[in-house]
Amino acid sequence: MPPAPPDPRPPVVTAARVTAALCLLAPFVALLWVDSYARLTPRFIGIPFFYWYQMAWVPVAAALTYTAYVLVRREERARKGGDDA
């Protein structure tokens, strides 16, 4: 069976997609900019800042990824007309 032809419509840039992209970009920027957190203080329950800052981003990144997923899914359903629930 031949592959389906590509969708001729150009991609749509919406506020939901831009917000989703920012949600996915934030953890990368925050964690790749090492100079912003490469220090020992302030300590949290005896753990140096360098370590607890990175670990704090784990649930934050998970929440941001879920938010991006929900935004894109909601936008796709609205674009398709909401017929496939």
PDB file of N, CA and C in Angstrom:
ATOM      1  N   MET A   1       0.844  -1.167   0.000  1.00  0.00           N
ATOM      2  CA  MET A   1       0.000   0.000   0.000  1.00  0.00           C
ATOM      3  C   MET A   1       0.901   1.246   0.000  1.00  0.00           C
ATOM      4  N   PRO A   2       0.660   2.190  -0.888  1.00  0.00           N
ATOM      5  CA  PRO A   2       1.508   3.389  -0.938  1.00  0.00           C
ATOM      6  C   PRO A   2       1.240   4.285   0.265  1.00  0.00           C
ATOM      7  N   PRO A   3       2.242   5.062   0.653  1.00  0.00           N
ATOM      8  CA  PRO A   3       2.044   5.959   1.802  1.00  0.00           C
ATOM      9  C   PRO A   3       1.029   7.052   1.477  1.00  0.00           C
ATOM     10  N   ALA A   4       0.397   7.544   2.514  1.00  0.00           N
ATOM     11  CA  ALA A   4      -0.595   8.603   2.333  1.00  0.00           C
ATOM     12  C   ALA A   4       0.107   9.878   1.900  1.00  0.00           C
ATOM     13  N   PRO A   5      -0.541  10.648   1.023  1.00  0.00           N
ATOM     14  CA  PRO A   5       0.083  11.901   0.590  1.00  0.00           C
ATOM     15  C   PRO A   5       0.171  12.882   1.765  1.00  0.00           C
ATOM     16  N   PRO A   6       1.165  13.757   1.729  1.00  0.00           N
ATOM     17  CA  PRO A   6       1.291  14.715   2.830  1.00  0.00           C
ATOM     18  C   PRO A   6       0.132  15.705   2.840  1.00  0.00           C
ATOM     19  N   ASP A   7      -0.149  16.212   4.017  1.00  0.00           N
ATOM     20  CA  ASP A   7      -1.226  17.187   4.171  1.00  0.00           C
ATOM     21  C   ASP A   7      -0.820  18.481   3.472  1.00  0.00           C
ATOM     22  N   PRO A   8      -1.610  18.966   2.506  1.00  0.00           N
ATOM     23  CA  PRO A   8      -1.217  20.168   1.760  1.00  0.00           C
ATOM     24  C   PRO A   8      -1.343  21.459   2.565  1.00  0.00           C
ATOM     25  N   ARG A   9      -2.076  21.413   3.695  1.00  0.00           N
ATOM     26  CA  ARG A   9      -2.249  22.621   4.493  1.00  0.00           C
ATOM     27  C   ARG A   9      -0.968  22.933   5.259  1.00  0.00           C
ATOM     28  N   PRO A  10      -0.600  24.209   5.341  1.00  0.00           N
ATOM     29  CA  PRO A  10       0.593  24.551   6.115  1.00  0.00           C
ATOM     30  C   PRO A  10       0.325  24.367   7.606  1.00  0.00           C
ATOM     31  N   PRO A  11       1.370  24.126   8.409  1.00  0.00           N
ATOM     32  CA  PRO A  11       1.173  23.994   9.849  1.00  0.00           C
ATOM     33  C   PRO A  11       0.608  25.291  10.431  1.00  0.00           C
ATOM     34  N   VAL A  12      -0.238  25.136  11.411  1.00  0.00           N
ATOM     35  CA  VAL A  12      -0.890  26.284  12.030  1.00  0.00           C
ATOM     36  C   VAL A  12      -0.173  26.619  13.333  1.00  0.00           C
ATOM     37  N   VAL A  13       0.229  27.878  13.450  1.00  0.00           N
ATOM     38  CA  VAL A  13       0.853  28.344  14.694  1.00  0.00           C
ATOM     39  C   VAL A  13      -0.229  29.016  15.522  1.00  0.00           C
ATOM     40  N   THR A  14      -0.521  28.403  16.669  1.00  0.00           N
ATOM     41  CA  THR A  14      -1.546  28.944  17.554  1.00  0.00           C
ATOM     42  C   THR A  14      -0.921  29.275  18.897  1.00  0.00           C
ATOM     43  N   ALA A  15      -1.668  29.990  19.713  1.00  0.00           N
ATOM     44  CA  ALA A  15      -1.180  30.327  21.054  1.00  0.00           C
ATOM     45  C   ALA A  15      -0.937  29.062  21.875  1.00  0.00           C
ATOM     46  N   ALA A  16      -1.784  28.050  21.695  1.00  0.00           N
ATOM     47  CA  ALA A  16      -1.618  26.800  22.440  1.00  0.00           C
ATOM     48  C   ALA A  16      -0.316  26.103  22.054  1.00  0.00           C
ATOM     49  N   ARG A  17       0.016  26.101  20.779  1.00  0.00           N
ATOM     50  CA  ARG A  17       1.256  25.456  20.332  1.00  0.00           C
ATOM     51  C   ARG A  17       2.489  26.226  20.782  1.00  0.00           C
ATOM     52  N   VAL A  18       2.413  27.543  20.765  1.00  0.00           N
ATOM     53  CA  VAL A  18       3.542  28.350  21.236  1.00  0.00           C
ATOM     54  C   VAL A  18       3.746  28.131  22.736  1.00  0.00           C
ATOM     55  N   THR A  19       2.658  28.091  23.492  1.00  0.00           N
ATOM     56  CA  THR A  19       2.747  27.841  24.927  1.00  0.00           C
ATOM     57  C   THR A  19       3.318  26.452  25.190  1.00  0.00           C
ATOM     58  N   ALA A  20       2.879  25.461  24.416  1.00  0.00           N
ATOM     59  CA  ALA A  20       3.399  24.102  24.567  1.00  0.00           C
ATOM     60  C   ALA A  20       4.899  24.062  24.265  1.00  0.00           C
ATOM     61  N   ALA A  21       5.317  24.766  23.235  1.00  0.00           N
ATOM     62  CA  ALA A  21       6.743  24.799  22.896  1.00  0.00           C
ATOM     63  C   ALA A  21       7.551  25.442  24.012  1.00  0.00           C
ATOM     64  N   LEU A  22       7.028  26.508  24.604  1.00  0.00           N
ATOM     65  CA  LEU A  22       7.726  27.156  25.721  1.00  0.00           C
ATOM     66  C   LEU A  22       7.788  26.238  26.942  1.00  0.00           C
ATOM     67  N   CYS A  23       6.715  25.471  27.173  1.00  0.00           N
ATOM     68  CA  CYS A  23       6.717  24.509  28.284  1.00  0.00           C
ATOM     69  C   CYS A  23       7.788  23.442  28.090  1.00  0.00           C
ATOM     70  N   LEU A  24       8.009  23.030  26.856  1.00  0.00           N
ATOM     71  CA  LEU A  24       9.018  22.008  26.585  1.00  0.00           C
ATOM     72  C   LEU A  24      10.429  22.589  26.560  1.00  0.00           C
ATOM     73  N   LEU A  25      10.540  23.862  26.234  1.00  0.00           N
ATOM     74  CA  LEU A  25      11.848  24.495  26.144  1.00  0.00           C
ATOM     75  C   LEU A  25      12.405  24.919  27.505  1.00  0.00           C
ATOM     76  N   ALA A  26      11.534  25.272  28.427  1.00  0.00           N
ATOM     77  CA  ALA A  26      11.959  25.802  29.734  1.00  0.00           C
ATOM     78  C   ALA A  26      12.920  24.870  30.489  1.00  0.00           C
ATOM     79  N   PRO A  27      12.632  23.571  30.628  1.00  0.00           N
ATOM     80  CA  PRO A  27      13.583  22.712  31.358  1.00  0.00           C
ATOM     81  C   PRO A  27      14.948  22.606  30.672  1.00  0.00           C
ATOM     82  N   PHE A  28      14.961  22.604  29.353  1.00  0.00           N
ATOM     83  CA  PHE A  28      16.239  22.531  28.639  1.00  0.00           C
ATOM     84  C   PHE A  28      17.086  23.762  28.925  1.00  0.00           C
ATOM     85  N   VAL A  29      16.476  24.918  28.831  1.00  0.00           N
ATOM     86  CA  VAL A  29      17.215  26.150  29.080  1.00  0.00           C
ATOM     87  C   VAL A  29      17.679  26.207  30.527  1.00  0.00           C
ATOM     88  N   ALA A  30      16.796  25.875  31.446  1.00  0.00           N
ATOM     89  CA  ALA A  30      17.130  25.959  32.871  1.00  0.00           C
ATOM     90  C   ALA A  30      18.251  24.999  33.259  1.00  0.00           C
ATOM     91  N   LEU A  31      18.299  23.832  32.642  1.00  0.00           N
ATOM     92  CA  LEU A  31      19.300  22.840  33.031  1.00  0.00           C
ATOM     93  C   LEU A  31      20.565  22.878  32.186  1.00  0.00           C
ATOM     94  N   LEU A  32      20.483  23.416  30.988  1.00  0.00           N
ATOM     95  CA  LEU A  32      21.689  23.512  30.170  1.00  0.00           C
ATOM     96  C   LEU A  32      22.509  24.759  30.487  1.00  0.00           C
ATOM     97  N   TRP A  33      21.917  25.716  31.142  1.00  0.00           N
ATOM     98  CA  TRP A  33      22.635  26.921  31.555  1.00  0.00           C
ATOM     99  C   TRP A  33      23.242  26.645  32.934  1.00  0.00           C
ATOM    100  N   VAL A  34      24.298  25.874  32.951  1.00  0.00           N
ATOM    101  CA  VAL A  34      24.892  25.359  34.186  1.00  0.00           C
ATOM    102  C   VAL A  34      25.444  26.474  35.071  1.00  0.00           C
ATOM    103  N   ASP A  35      25.954  27.529  34.494  1.00  0.00           N
ATOM    104  CA  ASP A  35      26.506  28.621  35.312  1.00  0.00           C
ATOM    105  C   ASP A  35      25.477  29.226  36.256  1.00  0.00           C
ATOM    106  N   SER A  36      24.203  29.086  35.928  1.00  0.00           N
ATOM    107  CA  SER A  36      23.169  29.672  36.779  1.00  0.00           C
ATOM    108  C   SER A  36      22.983  28.901  38.092  1.00  0.00           C
ATOM    109  N   TYR A  37      23.415  27.649  38.139  1.00  0.00           N
ATOM    110  CA  TYR A  37      23.214  26.859  39.361  1.00  0.00           C
ATOM    111  C   TYR A  37      24.463  26.100  39.810  1.00  0.00           C
ATOM    112  N   ALA A  38      25.612  26.419  39.257  1.00  0.00           N
ATOM    113  CA  ALA A  38      26.852  25.728  39.624  1.00  0.00           C
ATOM    114  C   ALA A  38      27.454  26.359  40.877  1.00  0.00           C
ATOM    115  N   ARG A  39      26.781  26.147  41.990  1.00  0.00           N
ATOM    116  CA  ARG A  39      27.269  26.647  43.278  1.00  0.00           C
ATOM    117  C   ARG A  39      26.784  25.716  44.392  1.00  0.00           C
ATOM    118  N   LEU A  40      27.332  25.877  45.561  1.00  0.00           N
ATOM    119  CA  LEU A  40      26.988  24.999  46.677  1.00  0.00           C
ATOM    120  C   LEU A  40      25.885  25.547  47.561  1.00  0.00           C
ATOM    121  N   THR A  41      25.749  26.865  47.616  1.00  0.00           N
ATOM    122  CA  THR A  41      24.745  27.463  48.498  1.00  0.00           C
ATOM    123  C   THR A  41      23.636  28.080  47.669  1.00  0.00           C
ATOM    124  N   PRO A  42      22.448  28.157  48.148  1.00  0.00           N
ATOM    125  CA  PRO A  42      21.966  27.759  49.459  1.00  0.00           C
ATOM    126  C   PRO A  42      21.765  26.242  49.549  1.00  0.00           C
ATOM    127  N   ARG A  43      21.966  25.717  50.714  1.00  0.00           N
ATOM    128  CA  ARG A  43      21.752  24.285  50.938  1.00  0.00           C
ATOM    129  C   ARG A  43      20.318  24.050  51.375  1.00  0.00           C
ATOM    130  N   PHE A  44      19.791  22.896  51.014  1.00  0.00           N
ATOM    131  CA  PHE A  44      18.445  22.493  51.408  1.00  0.00           C
ATOM    132  C   PHE A  44      18.558  21.134  52.072  1.00  0.00           C
ATOM    133  N   ILE A  45      18.230  21.049  53.341  1.00  0.00           N
ATOM    134  CA  ILE A  45      18.399  19.868  54.202  1.00  0.00           C
ATOM    135  C   ILE A  45      19.771  19.218  54.007  1.00  0.00           C
ATOM    136  N   GLY A  46      20.787  20.054  53.918  1.00  0.00           N
ATOM    137  CA  GLY A  46      22.160  19.583  53.799  1.00  0.00           C
ATOM    138  C   GLY A  46      22.610  19.251  52.386  1.00  0.00           C
ATOM    139  N   ILE A  47      21.725  19.396  51.404  1.00  0.00           N
ATOM    140  CA  ILE A  47      22.062  19.059  50.011  1.00  0.00           C
ATOM    141  C   ILE A  47      22.500  20.339  49.302  1.00  0.00           C
ATOM    142  N   PRO A  48      23.659  20.328  48.641  1.00  0.00           N
ATOM    143  CA  PRO A  48      24.113  21.515  47.922  1.00  0.00           C
ATOM    144  C   PRO A  48      23.124  21.934  46.824  1.00  0.00           C
ATOM    145  N   PHE A  49      23.089  23.233  46.569  1.00  0.00           N
ATOM    146  CA  PHE A  49      22.168  23.801  45.584  1.00  0.00           C
ATOM    147  C   PHE A  49      22.284  23.109  44.230  1.00  0.00           C
ATOM    148  N   PHE A  50      23.498  22.809  43.808  1.00  0.00           N
ATOM    149  CA  PHE A  50      23.729  22.184  42.507  1.00  0.00           C
ATOM    150  C   PHE A  50      22.869  20.931  42.317  1.00  0.00           C
ATOM    151  N   TYR A  51      22.743  20.122  43.362  1.00  0.00           N
ATOM    152  CA  TYR A  51      21.996  18.872  43.256  1.00  0.00           C
ATOM    153  C   TYR A  51      20.495  19.060  43.431  1.00  0.00           C
ATOM    154  N   TRP A  52      20.090  19.829  44.455  1.00  0.00           N
ATOM    155  CA  TRP A  52      18.649  19.924  44.671  1.00  0.00           C
ATOM    156  C   TRP A  52      17.969  20.750  43.600  1.00  0.00           C
ATOM    157  N   TYR A  53      18.687  21.681  42.975  1.00  0.00           N
ATOM    158  CA  TYR A  53      18.110  22.443  41.867  1.00  0.00           C
ATOM    159  C   TYR A  53      17.752  21.507  40.708  1.00  0.00           C
ATOM    160  N   GLN A  54      18.661  20.614  40.366  1.00  0.00           N
ATOM    161  CA  GLN A  54      18.411  19.669  39.280  1.00  0.00           C
ATOM    162  C   GLN A  54      17.267  18.713  39.621  1.00  0.00           C
ATOM    163  N   MET A  55      17.253  18.237  40.857  1.00  0.00           N
ATOM    164  CA  MET A  55      16.188  17.314  41.259  1.00  0.00           C
ATOM    165  C   MET A  55      14.837  18.014  41.342  1.00  0.00           C
ATOM    166  N   ALA A  56      14.829  19.285  41.676  1.00  0.00           N
ATOM    167  CA  ALA A  56      13.572  20.032  41.711  1.00  0.00           C
ATOM    168  C   ALA A  56      12.966  20.149  40.321  1.00  0.00           C
ATOM    169  N   TRP A  57      13.805  20.127  39.308  1.00  0.00           N
ATOM    170  CA  TRP A  57      13.295  20.233  37.938  1.00  0.00           C
ATOM    171  C   TRP A  57      12.617  18.951  37.449  1.00  0.00           C
ATOM    172  N   VAL A  58      12.832  17.835  38.092  1.00  0.00           N
ATOM    173  CA  VAL A  58      12.209  16.577  37.642  1.00  0.00           C
ATOM    174  C   VAL A  58      10.682  16.673  37.676  1.00  0.00           C
ATOM    175  N   PRO A  59      10.044  16.991  38.818  1.00  0.00           N
ATOM    176  CA  PRO A  59       8.583  17.113  38.797  1.00  0.00           C
ATOM    177  C   PRO A  59       8.098  18.332  38.000  1.00  0.00           C
ATOM    178  N   VAL A  60       8.891  19.396  38.008  1.00  0.00           N
ATOM    179  CA  VAL A  60       8.503  20.586  37.230  1.00  0.00           C
ATOM    180  C   VAL A  60       8.488  20.255  35.745  1.00  0.00           C
ATOM    181  N   ALA A  61       9.509  19.567  35.272  1.00  0.00           N
ATOM    182  CA  ALA A  61       9.569  19.194  33.858  1.00  0.00           C
ATOM    183  C   ALA A  61       8.446  18.222  33.499  1.00  0.00           C
ATOM    184  N   ALA A  62       8.124  17.315  34.404  1.00  0.00           N
ATOM    185  CA  ALA A  62       7.011  16.392  34.156  1.00  0.00           C
ATOM    186  C   ALA A  62       5.696  17.154  34.043  1.00  0.00           C
ATOM    187  N   ALA A  63       5.474  18.109  34.924  1.00  0.00           N
ATOM    188  CA  ALA A  63       4.242  18.909  34.868  1.00  0.00           C
ATOM    189  C   ALA A  63       4.184  19.750  33.595  1.00  0.00           C
ATOM    190  N   LEU A  64       5.312  20.326  33.204  1.00  0.00           N
ATOM    191  CA  LEU A  64       5.333  21.127  31.977  1.00  0.00           C
ATOM    192  C   LEU A  64       5.115  20.265  30.737  1.00  0.00           C
ATOM    193  N   THR A  65       5.668  19.064  30.725  1.00  0.00           N
ATOM    194  CA  THR A  65       5.463  18.155  29.602  1.00  0.00           C
ATOM    195  C   THR A  65       3.999  17.744  29.504  1.00  0.00           C
ATOM    196  N   TYR A  66       3.383  17.451  30.638  1.00  0.00           N
ATOM    197  CA  TYR A  66       1.963  17.096  30.647  1.00  0.00           C
ATOM    198  C   TYR A  66       1.108  18.277  30.183  1.00  0.00           C
ATOM    199  N   THR A  67       1.453  19.471  30.629  1.00  0.00           N
ATOM    200  CA  THR A  67       0.720  20.667  30.196  1.00  0.00           C
ATOM    201  C   THR A  67       0.817  20.843  28.690  1.00  0.00           C
ATOM    202  N   ALA A  68       2.010  20.663  28.137  1.00  0.00           N
ATOM    203  CA  ALA A  68       2.186  20.781  26.687  1.00  0.00           C
ATOM    204  C   ALA A  68       1.353  19.728  25.955  1.00  0.00           C
ATOM    205  N   TYR A  69       1.333  18.517  26.476  1.00  0.00           N
ATOM    206  CA  TYR A  69       0.547  17.444  25.868  1.00  0.00           C
ATOM    207  C   TYR A  69      -0.937  17.792  25.855  1.00  0.00           C
ATOM    208  N   VAL A  70      -1.447  18.260  26.983  1.00  0.00           N
ATOM    209  CA  VAL A  70      -2.865  18.607  27.082  1.00  0.00           C
ATOM    210  C   VAL A  70      -3.205  19.752  26.123  1.00  0.00           C
ATOM    211  N   LEU A  71      -2.354  20.761  26.061  1.00  0.00           N
ATOM    212  CA  LEU A  71      -2.613  21.900  25.181  1.00  0.00           C
ATOM    213  C   LEU A  71      -2.669  21.479  23.713  1.00  0.00           C
ATOM    214  N   VAL A  72      -1.717  20.670  23.290  1.00  0.00           N
ATOM    215  CA  VAL A  72      -1.681  20.239  21.886  1.00  0.00           C
ATOM    216  C   VAL A  72      -2.840  19.301  21.585  1.00  0.00           C
ATOM    217  N   ARG A  73      -3.136  18.397  22.510  1.00  0.00           N
ATOM    218  CA  ARG A  73      -4.255  17.475  22.287  1.00  0.00           C
ATOM    219  C   ARG A  73      -5.575  18.229  22.184  1.00  0.00           C
ATOM    220  N   ARG A  74      -5.799  19.187  23.066  1.00  0.00           N
ATOM    221  CA  ARG A  74      -7.026  19.983  23.040  1.00  0.00           C
ATOM    222  C   ARG A  74      -7.130  20.778  21.733  1.00  0.00           C
ATOM    223  N   GLU A  75      -6.012  21.344  21.300  1.00  0.00           N
ATOM    224  CA  GLU A  75      -6.007  22.130  20.071  1.00  0.00           C
ATOM    225  C   GLU A  75      -6.265  21.241  18.850  1.00  0.00           C
ATOM    226  N   GLU A  76      -5.689  20.050  18.840  1.00  0.00           N
ATOM    227  CA  GLU A  76      -5.916  19.115  17.724  1.00  0.00           C
ATOM    228  C   GLU A  76      -7.372  18.667  17.670  1.00  0.00           C
ATOM    229  N   ARG A  77      -7.961  18.383  18.822  1.00  0.00           N
ATOM    230  CA  ARG A  77      -9.365  17.987  18.838  1.00  0.00           C
ATOM    231  C   ARG A  77     -10.266  19.105  18.348  1.00  0.00           C
ATOM    232  N   ALA A  78      -9.977  20.331  18.749  1.00  0.00           N
ATOM    233  CA  ALA A  78     -10.770  21.474  18.294  1.00  0.00           C
ATOM    234  C   ALA A  78     -10.596  21.680  16.797  1.00  0.00           C
ATOM    235  N   ARG A  79      -9.402  21.438  16.302  1.00  0.00           N
ATOM    236  CA  ARG A  79      -9.121  21.603  14.863  1.00  0.00           C
ATOM    237  C   ARG A  79      -9.842  20.551  14.030  1.00  0.00           C
ATOM    238  N   LYS A  80      -9.923  19.338  14.555  1.00  0.00           N
ATOM    239  CA  LYS A  80     -10.601  18.253  13.836  1.00  0.00           C
ATOM    240  C   LYS A  80     -12.099  18.308  14.004  1.00  0.00           C
ATOM    241  N   GLY A  81     -12.583  19.147  14.880  1.00  0.00           N
ATOM    242  CA  GLY A  81     -14.012  19.257  15.085  1.00  0.00           C
ATOM    243  C   GLY A  81     -14.496  18.503  16.306  1.00  0.00           C
ATOM    244  N   GLY A  82     -13.595  17.880  17.032  1.00  0.00           N
ATOM    245  CA  GLY A  82     -13.970  17.181  18.252  1.00  0.00           C
ATOM    246  C   GLY A  82     -14.762  15.907  18.029  1.00  0.00           C
ATOM    247  N   ASP A  83     -14.743  15.357  16.806  1.00  0.00           N
ATOM    248  CA  ASP A  83     -15.566  14.168  16.525  1.00  0.00           C
ATOM    249  C   ASP A  83     -14.963  12.889  17.043  1.00  0.00           C
ATOM    250  N   ASP A  84     -13.649  12.816  17.289  1.00  0.00           N
ATOM    251  CA  ASP A  84     -13.061  11.573  17.809  1.00  0.00           C
ATOM    252  C   ASP A  84     -12.644  11.742  19.260  1.00  0.00           C
ATOM    253  N   ALA A  85     -13.548  11.515  20.131  1.00  0.00           N
ATOM    254  CA  ALA A  85     -13.294  11.697  21.569  1.00  0.00           C
ATOM    255  C   ALA A  85     -12.493  10.613  22.103  1.00  0.00           C
TER     256      ALA A  85
END
